[in-house]
C-alpha atoms as a PDB file:
ATOM      1  CA  MET A   1    -155.994-226.773   0.059  1.00  0.00           C
ATOM      2  CA  ASN A   2    -152.750-228.510   0.055  1.00  0.00           C
ATOM      3  CA  PRO A   3    -149.217-227.779  -1.048  1.00  0.00           C
ATOM      4  CA  LEU A   4    -148.069-228.653  -4.816  1.00  0.00           C
ATOM      5  CA  ALA A   5    -145.552-231.276  -4.964  1.00  0.00           C
ATOM      6  CA  LYS A   6    -143.857-229.215  -7.721  1.00  0.00           C
ATOM      7  CA  CYS A   7    -143.038-226.364  -5.535  1.00  0.00           C
ATOM      8  CA  ILE A   8    -141.558-228.903  -2.626  1.00  0.00           C
ATOM      9  CA  HIS A   9    -139.597-229.972  -5.184  1.00  0.00           C
ATOM     10  CA  PHE A  10    -138.268-227.026  -6.821  1.00  0.00           C
ATOM     11  CA  LEU A  11    -137.759-225.103  -3.611  1.00  0.00           C
ATOM     12  CA  ALA A  12    -135.467-228.166  -2.355  1.00  0.00           C
ATOM     13  CA  ASN A  13    -133.797-227.878  -5.652  1.00  0.00           C
ATOM     14  CA  HIS A  14    -133.257-224.152  -6.529  1.00  0.00           C
ATOM     15  CA  GLN A  15    -130.551-222.140  -4.344  1.00  0.00           C
ATOM     16  CA  PHE A  16    -131.597-218.872  -5.898  1.00  0.00           C
ATOM     17  CA  LEU A  17    -134.566-217.575  -6.393  1.00  0.00           C
ATOM     18  CA  ARG A  18    -135.216-214.157  -8.340  1.00  0.00           C
ATOM     19  CA  ASN A  19    -137.570-211.542  -6.586  1.00  0.00           C
ATOM     20  CA  PHE A  20    -140.419-210.430  -8.727  1.00  0.00           C
ATOM     21  CA  SER A  21    -142.521-207.685  -8.460  1.00  0.00           C
ATOM     22  CA  VAL A  22    -145.744-207.654  -6.447  1.00  0.00           C
ATOM     23  CA  GLU A  23    -146.889-205.528  -8.610  1.00  0.00           C
ATOM     24  CA  GLU A  24    -147.153-207.917 -11.325  1.00  0.00           C
ATOM     25  CA  LEU A  25    -149.425-210.175  -8.833  1.00  0.00           C
ATOM     26  CA  LEU A  26    -151.285-206.785  -7.266  1.00  0.00           C
ATOM     27  CA  PRO A  27    -152.236-204.514  -9.804  1.00  0.00           C
ATOM     28  CA  ASN A  28    -154.621-202.800  -7.727  1.00  0.00           C
ATOM     29  CA  GLU A  29    -152.861-201.451  -4.446  1.00  0.00           C
ATOM     30  CA  ASN A  30    -155.674-201.488  -2.169  1.00  0.00           C
ATOM     31  CA  GLN A  31    -155.691-204.954  -3.113  1.00  0.00           C
ATOM     32  CA  ASN A  32    -155.128-207.335   0.028  1.00  0.00           C
ATOM     33  CA  ILE A  33    -154.730-211.203   0.263  1.00  0.00           C
ATOM     34  CA  LEU A  34    -156.533-212.938   2.712  1.00  0.00           C
ATOM     35  CA  ASP A  35    -153.296-215.379   3.009  1.00  0.00           C
ATOM     36  CA  ASN A  36    -154.962-217.358   6.132  1.00  0.00           C
ATOM     37  CA  ASN A  37    -156.262-219.548   2.995  1.00  0.00           C
ATOM     38  CA  LEU A  38    -153.019-219.672   1.236  1.00  0.00           C
ATOM     39  CA  ILE A  39    -150.373-222.430   1.681  1.00  0.00           C
ATOM     40  CA  TRP A  40    -146.705-220.724   2.422  1.00  0.00           C
ATOM     41  CA  TYR A  41    -143.619-222.343   1.500  1.00  0.00           C
ATOM     42  CA  CYS A  42    -140.526-222.008   3.949  1.00  0.00           C
ATOM     43  CA  VAL A  43    -137.319-222.584   3.023  1.00  0.00           C
ATOM     44  CA  GLY A  44    -134.044-223.873   5.024  1.00  0.00           C
ATOM     45  CA  ILE A  45    -130.753-225.587   5.281  1.00  0.00           C
ATOM     46  CA  ILE A  46    -130.226-228.378   7.726  1.00  0.00           C
ATOM     47  CA  ASN A  47    -126.894-230.136   7.253  1.00  0.00           C
ATOM     48  CA  HIS A  48    -126.054-227.970   4.150  1.00  0.00           C
ATOM     49  CA  LYS A  49    -129.287-229.460   2.291  1.00  0.00           C
ATOM     50  CA  ARG A  50    -132.465-227.173   1.507  1.00  0.00           C
ATOM     51  CA  TYR A  51    -135.671-228.496   3.255  1.00  0.00           C
ATOM     52  CA  VAL A  52    -139.372-226.817   2.630  1.00  0.00           C
ATOM     53  CA  HIS A  53    -141.802-227.006   5.032  1.00  0.00           C
ATOM     54  CA  CYS A  54    -145.411-225.820   4.593  1.00  0.00           C
ATOM     55  CA  ILE A  55    -148.021-223.656   6.747  1.00  0.00           C
ATOM     56  CA  ARG A  56    -151.148-221.301   6.916  1.00  0.00           C
ATOM     57  CA  PHE A  57    -151.465-218.358   8.589  1.00  0.00           C
ATOM     58  CA  LEU A  58    -154.545-218.854  10.488  1.00  0.00           C
ATOM     59  CA  ASN A  59    -154.381-216.128  13.226  1.00  0.00           C
ATOM     60  CA  ARG A  60    -151.928-213.838  15.003  1.00  0.00           C
ATOM     61  CA  THR A  61    -151.721-211.769  17.900  1.00  0.00           C
ATOM     62  CA  PRO A  62    -151.999-207.893  17.749  1.00  0.00           C
ATOM     63  CA  LYS A  63    -149.187-205.308  17.688  1.00  0.00           C
ATOM     64  CA  PRO A  64    -147.014-204.075  19.280  1.00  0.00           C
ATOM     65  CA  GLY A  65    -144.936-206.982  20.679  1.00  0.00           C
ATOM     66  CA  ILE A  66    -143.561-210.067  18.931  1.00  0.00           C
ATOM     67  CA  THR A  67    -145.918-211.556  16.753  1.00  0.00           C
ATOM     68  CA  SER A  68    -146.826-215.152  17.725  1.00  0.00           C
ATOM     69  CA  TYR A  69    -149.326-217.126  15.291  1.00  0.00           C
ATOM     70  CA  PHE A  70    -151.527-219.820  14.972  1.00  0.00           C
ATOM     71  CA  ILE A  71    -150.836-221.939  12.150  1.00  0.00           C
ATOM     72  CA  GLN A  72    -151.218-225.483  10.523  1.00  0.00           C
ATOM     73  CA  TRP A  73    -148.484-227.070   9.718  1.00  0.00           C
ATOM     74  CA  PHE A  74    -148.092-229.504   6.550  1.00  0.00           C
ATOM     75  CA  ASN A  75    -145.674-232.404   7.099  1.00  0.00           C
ATOM     76  CA  THR A  76    -144.101-231.953   3.643  1.00  0.00           C
ATOM     77  CA  ALA A  77    -140.172-231.523   5.016  1.00  0.00           C
ATOM     78  CA  PRO A  78    -139.510-235.549   4.620  1.00  0.00           C
ATOM     79  CA  PHE A  79    -140.559-235.433   0.975  1.00  0.00           C
ATOM     80  CA  SER A  80    -138.125-232.678  -0.133  1.00  0.00           C
ATOM     81  CA  HIS A  81    -135.644-234.776  -1.774  1.00  0.00           C
ATOM     82  CA  LEU A  82    -137.749-237.112  -3.429  1.00  0.00           C
ATOM     83  CA  HIS A  83    -138.234-237.079  -7.075  1.00  0.00           C
ATOM     84  CA  LEU A  84    -141.344-235.163  -7.982  1.00  0.00           C
ATOM     85  CA  ASP A  85    -143.436-238.181  -8.962  1.00  0.00           C
ATOM     86  CA  GLU A  86    -142.560-239.881  -5.623  1.00  0.00           C
ATOM     87  CA  ILE A  87    -143.920-236.703  -3.639  1.00  0.00           C
ATOM     88  CA  PRO A  88    -147.290-237.342  -2.698  1.00  0.00           C
ATOM     89  CA  ASP A  89    -150.589-234.966  -3.174  1.00  0.00           C
ATOM     90  CA  TYR A  90    -151.962-235.337   0.169  1.00  0.00           C
ATOM     91  CA  PHE A  91    -149.899-233.998   3.429  1.00  0.00           C
ATOM     92  CA  GLU A  92    -151.162-234.637   7.245  1.00  0.00           C
ATOM     93  CA  SER A  93    -151.468-231.161   9.329  1.00  0.00           C
ATOM     94  CA  THR A  94    -151.576-229.924  13.299  1.00  0.00           C
ATOM     95  CA  CYS A  95    -152.412-226.612  14.113  1.00  0.00           C
ATOM     96  CA  PHE A  96    -151.213-224.608  17.204  1.00  0.00           C
ATOM     97  CA  TRP A  97    -149.914-221.705  18.116  1.00  0.00           C
ATOM     98  CA  VAL A  98    -146.191-220.830  17.859  1.00  0.00           C
ATOM     99  CA  HIS A  99    -144.570-217.809  20.218  1.00  0.00           C
ATOM    100  CA  SER A 100    -142.870-216.344  16.944  1.00  0.00           C
ATOM    101  CA  GLY A 101    -141.521-216.439  13.416  1.00  0.00           C
ATOM    102  CA  VAL A 102    -137.979-217.301  15.219  1.00  0.00           C
ATOM    103  CA  ALA A 103    -139.188-220.053  17.547  1.00  0.00           C
ATOM    104  CA  LEU A 104    -140.942-221.587  14.181  1.00  0.00           C
ATOM    105  CA  ARG A 105    -138.052-221.852  11.987  1.00  0.00           C
ATOM    106  CA  LYS A 106    -135.299-222.749  14.624  1.00  0.00           C
ATOM    107  CA  ASN A 107    -137.225-224.906  17.222  1.00  0.00           C
ATOM    108  CA  PHE A 108    -139.814-226.628  14.596  1.00  0.00           C
ATOM    109  CA  PHE A 109    -138.545-226.601  11.227  1.00  0.00           C
ATOM    110  CA  LEU A 110    -134.652-227.079  12.687  1.00  0.00           C
ATOM    111  CA  PHE A 111    -133.436-224.780  10.384  1.00  0.00           C
ATOM    112  CA  GLU A 112    -129.802-223.692  11.039  1.00  0.00           C
ATOM    113  CA  ASP A 113    -129.388-220.709   8.810  1.00  0.00           C
ATOM    114  CA  ARG A 114    -130.187-217.515  10.122  1.00  0.00           C
ATOM    115  CA  MET A 115    -132.846-216.195   7.351  1.00  0.00           C
ATOM    116  CA  SER A 116    -135.860-214.513   8.856  1.00  0.00           C
ATOM    117  CA  LEU A 117    -139.064-216.411   8.406  1.00  0.00           C
ATOM    118  CA  LEU A 118    -140.556-213.633   6.307  1.00  0.00           C
ATOM    119  CA  ARG A 119    -137.462-213.814   3.722  1.00  0.00           C
ATOM    120  CA  SER A 120    -137.564-217.577   3.579  1.00  0.00           C
ATOM    121  CA  THR A 121    -141.078-217.720   2.893  1.00  0.00           C
ATOM    122  CA  PHE A 122    -142.806-217.973  -0.573  1.00  0.00           C
ATOM    123  CA  TYR A 123    -146.268-217.885  -1.829  1.00  0.00           C
ATOM    124  CA  TYR A 124    -146.769-219.417  -5.205  1.00  0.00           C
ATOM    125  CA  ASP A 125    -149.400-217.531  -7.742  1.00  0.00           C
ATOM    126  CA  ILE A 126    -150.388-220.525  -9.645  1.00  0.00           C
ATOM    127  CA  LYS A 127    -151.775-218.272 -12.586  1.00  0.00           C
ATOM    128  CA  LYS A 128    -148.265-216.563 -12.968  1.00  0.00           C
ATOM    129  CA  GLN A 129    -146.601-219.857 -12.089  1.00  0.00           C
ATOM    130  CA  THR A 130    -144.080-217.657  -9.790  1.00  0.00           C
ATOM    131  CA  PHE A 131    -143.078-217.582  -6.273  1.00  0.00           C
ATOM    132  CA  TYR A 132    -143.646-214.456  -4.500  1.00  0.00           C
ATOM    133  CA  ARG A 133    -141.438-213.704  -1.376  1.00  0.00           C
ATOM    134  CA  MET A 134    -143.289-213.000   2.135  1.00  0.00           C
ATOM    135  CA  ALA A 135    -141.471-209.882   2.892  1.00  0.00           C
ATOM    136  CA  PHE A 136    -143.094-208.285  -0.029  1.00  0.00           C
ATOM    137  CA  LEU A 137    -146.106-209.174   0.170  1.00  0.00           C
ATOM    138  CA  LEU A 138    -146.391-208.028   3.958  1.00  0.00           C
ATOM    139  CA  PRO A 139    -147.830-205.002   3.749  1.00  0.00           C
ATOM    140  CA  TYR A 140    -150.969-206.229   1.671  1.00  0.00           C
ATOM    141  CA  LEU A 141    -151.331-209.751   4.131  1.00  0.00           C
ATOM    142  CA  GLU A 142    -154.398-209.998   6.097  1.00  0.00           C
ATOM    143  CA  ILE A 143    -153.736-212.345   8.707  1.00  0.00           C
ATOM    144  CA  PRO A 144    -156.775-212.199  11.163  1.00  0.00           C
ATOM    145  CA  GLU A 145    -155.798-211.156  14.700  1.00  0.00           C
ATOM    146  CA  GLU A 146    -156.701-212.428  17.795  1.00  0.00           C
ATOM    147  CA  ILE A 147    -155.616-212.756  21.371  1.00  0.00           C
ATOM    148  CA  PRO A 148    -154.988-216.132  22.509  1.00  0.00           C
ATOM    149  CA  THR A 149    -155.825-215.799  26.243  1.00  0.00           C
ATOM    150  CA  ASN A 150    -155.495-218.715  27.835  1.00  0.00           C
ATOM    151  CA  LYS A 151    -154.175-220.739  24.916  1.00  0.00           C
ATOM    152  CA  ILE A 152    -151.237-222.922  24.797  1.00  0.00           C
ATOM    153  CA  ILE A 153    -148.365-221.081  23.077  1.00  0.00           C
ATOM    154  CA  PHE A 154    -145.458-223.130  21.739  1.00  0.00           C
ATOM    155  CA  THR A 155    -142.013-222.031  21.937  1.00  0.00           C
ATOM    156  CA  SER A 156    -140.372-225.507  20.802  1.00  0.00           C
ATOM    157  CA  SER A 157    -142.101-228.982  20.904  1.00  0.00           C
ATOM    158  CA  LEU A 158    -141.411-229.479  24.478  1.00  0.00           C
ATOM    159  CA  LYS A 159    -141.889-226.151  26.061  1.00  0.00           C
ATOM    160  CA  SER A 160    -144.863-223.790  26.289  1.00  0.00           C
ATOM    161  CA  TYR A 161    -146.574-221.255  28.508  1.00  0.00           C
ATOM    162  CA  ILE A 162    -150.429-220.198  29.062  1.00  0.00           C
ATOM    163  CA  TYR A 163    -151.079-216.906  27.227  1.00  0.00           C
ATOM    164  CA  VAL A 164    -152.315-214.038  29.506  1.00  0.00           C
ATOM    165  CA  LYS A 165    -152.833-210.483  28.844  1.00  0.00           C
ATOM    166  CA  ARG A 166    -150.690-208.425  30.449  1.00  0.00           C
ATOM    167  CA  VAL A 167    -152.849-205.494  32.492  1.00  0.00           C
ATOM    168  CA  LYS A 168    -150.733-202.335  31.893  1.00  0.00           C
ATOM    169  CA  LYS A 169    -149.679-199.837  34.701  1.00  0.00           C
ATOM    170  CA  THR A 170    -151.951-196.687  34.366  1.00  0.00           C
ATOM    171  CA  SER A 171    -149.636-193.872  32.939  1.00  0.00           C
ATOM    172  CA  TYR A 172    -149.445-190.825  34.817  1.00  0.00           C
ATOM    173  CA  ASN A 173    -151.074-188.062  32.808  1.00  0.00           C
ATOM    174  CA  ALA A 174    -148.681-184.616  32.585  1.00  0.00           C
ATOM    175  CA  LYS A 175    -150.384-182.855  35.227  1.00  0.00           C
ATOM    176  CA  GLU A 176    -149.230-186.048  37.872  1.00  0.00           C
ATOM    177  CA  ARG A 177    -145.905-185.929  36.350  1.00  0.00           C
ATOM    178  CA  GLN A 178    -145.310-182.204  37.133  1.00  0.00           C
ATOM    179  CA  LYS A 179    -146.989-182.380  41.050  1.00  0.00           C
ATOM    180  CA  SER A 180    -144.858-185.493  41.553  1.00  0.00           C
ATOM    181  CA  GLU A 181    -141.319-183.649  40.513  1.00  0.00           C
ATOM    182  CA  PHE A 182    -142.492-180.844  42.634  1.00  0.00           C
ATOM    183  CA  CYS A 183    -142.995-182.507  45.545  1.00  0.00           C
ATOM    184  CA  LYS A 184    -139.469-184.129  45.094  1.00  0.00           C
ATOM    185  CA  SER A 185    -138.131-180.705  44.887  1.00  0.00           C
ATOM    186  CA  LEU A 186    -139.861-179.528  48.095  1.00  0.00           C
ATOM    187  CA  ARG A 187    -138.807-182.603  50.066  1.00  0.00           C
ATOM    188  CA  LYS A 188    -135.261-181.999  48.958  1.00  0.00           C
ATOM    189  CA  PHE A 189    -135.955-178.478  49.841  1.00  0.00           C
ATOM    190  CA  PHE A 190    -137.290-178.660  53.149  1.00  0.00           C
ATOM    191  CA  HIS A 191    -134.349-181.443  54.415  1.00  0.00           C
ATOM    192  CA  SER A 192    -131.613-179.282  53.366  1.00  0.00           C
ATOM    193  CA  HIS A 193    -133.093-175.821  54.433  1.00  0.00           C
ATOM    194  CA  ASN A 194    -134.429-176.744  57.718  1.00  0.00           C
ATOM    195  CA  CYS A 195    -131.754-177.060  59.855  1.00  0.00           C
ATOM    196  CA  GLN A 196    -132.821-176.838  63.493  1.00  0.00           C
ATOM    197  CA  GLY A 197    -136.387-175.827  62.404  1.00  0.00           C
ATOM    198  CA  TYR A 198    -134.926-172.777  60.598  1.00  0.00           C
ATOM    199  CA  ILE A 199    -137.843-172.458  58.399  1.00  0.00           C
ATOM    200  CA  GLU A 200    -140.369-173.717  60.814  1.00  0.00           C
ATOM    201  CA  LYS A 201    -139.384-170.759  63.365  1.00  0.00           C
ATOM    202  CA  SER A 202    -138.880-168.130  60.646  1.00  0.00           C
ATOM    203  CA  TYR A 203    -141.517-168.601  58.254  1.00  0.00           C
ATOM    204  CA  PRO A 204    -144.597-170.728  60.245  1.00  0.00           C
ATOM    205  CA  LYS A 205    -146.749-170.067  57.461  1.00  0.00           C
ATOM    206  CA  LEU A 206    -144.494-171.638  54.622  1.00  0.00           C
ATOM    207  CA  PHE A 207    -143.184-174.350  56.788  1.00  0.00           C
ATOM    208  CA  GLN A 208    -147.174-175.744  57.181  1.00  0.00           C
ATOM    209  CA  GLU A 209    -147.878-175.456  53.104  1.00  0.00           C
ATOM    210  CA  VAL A 210    -144.637-177.288  52.877  1.00  0.00           C
ATOM    211  CA  VAL A 211    -145.299-179.812  55.230  1.00  0.00           C
ATOM    212  CA  LYS A 212    -149.247-180.044  53.865  1.00  0.00           C
ATOM    213  CA  ILE A 213    -148.024-180.385  49.987  1.00  0.00           C
ATOM    214  CA  ILE A 214    -145.327-183.129  51.073  1.00  0.00           C
ATOM    215  CA  PHE A 215    -147.177-185.443  53.696  1.00  0.00           C
ATOM    216  CA  GLN A 216    -150.613-185.153  52.537  1.00  0.00           C
ATOM    217  CA  ASP A 217    -150.325-184.129  48.458  1.00  0.00           C
ATOM    218  CA  GLY A 218    -147.370-186.026  47.758  1.00  0.00           C
ATOM    219  CA  ASP A 219    -147.969-188.932  50.022  1.00  0.00           C
ATOM    220  CA  SER A 220    -144.593-189.169  51.459  1.00  0.00           C
ATOM    221  CA  THR A 221    -143.543-190.709  54.936  1.00  0.00           C
END
């Protein structure tokens, strides 16, 4: 599958595009587009001119967090302002992981406008000969998820990092939180009311229990 020259030419020369109903494309609400097989056309502004970059979304990182994409990037932008008959039918491409949609538009496509990736990217349906904005198709898309462990993630053409899965800290359950708060309250009570050993002398059993809780169960020093 390769980008269509007529789509590149049209998007580069038309500033306003009508938002067509997704129901026309997907009459069945449960139907999904397997978008990793589709070509997407991303439009942006550089020096007041419109350029079109074509990509495929092959994989993405799972939520939550910033979504990184493994994409196939086609070299279409240099042909954006040629006549239709001058635009080739085949384009070279490269595949890599990009940190986010913002990084893709700003640091790779070099777009100067502030449109989001979802609103500036279109799918062209050949049968209906209509462009559909990615933002409206998002609920129906099925980009395969992958954790790119130890793979290079590019934030720009010159900067990258190795993806390492973060290990989540074990969260305390409700009883542990209650225990922690209880021990904190006992420490405050002990330090404020045991002046000159008052608790120790007057209530030795209470003193022993408080010490046991604070210095053993509370793991305090």
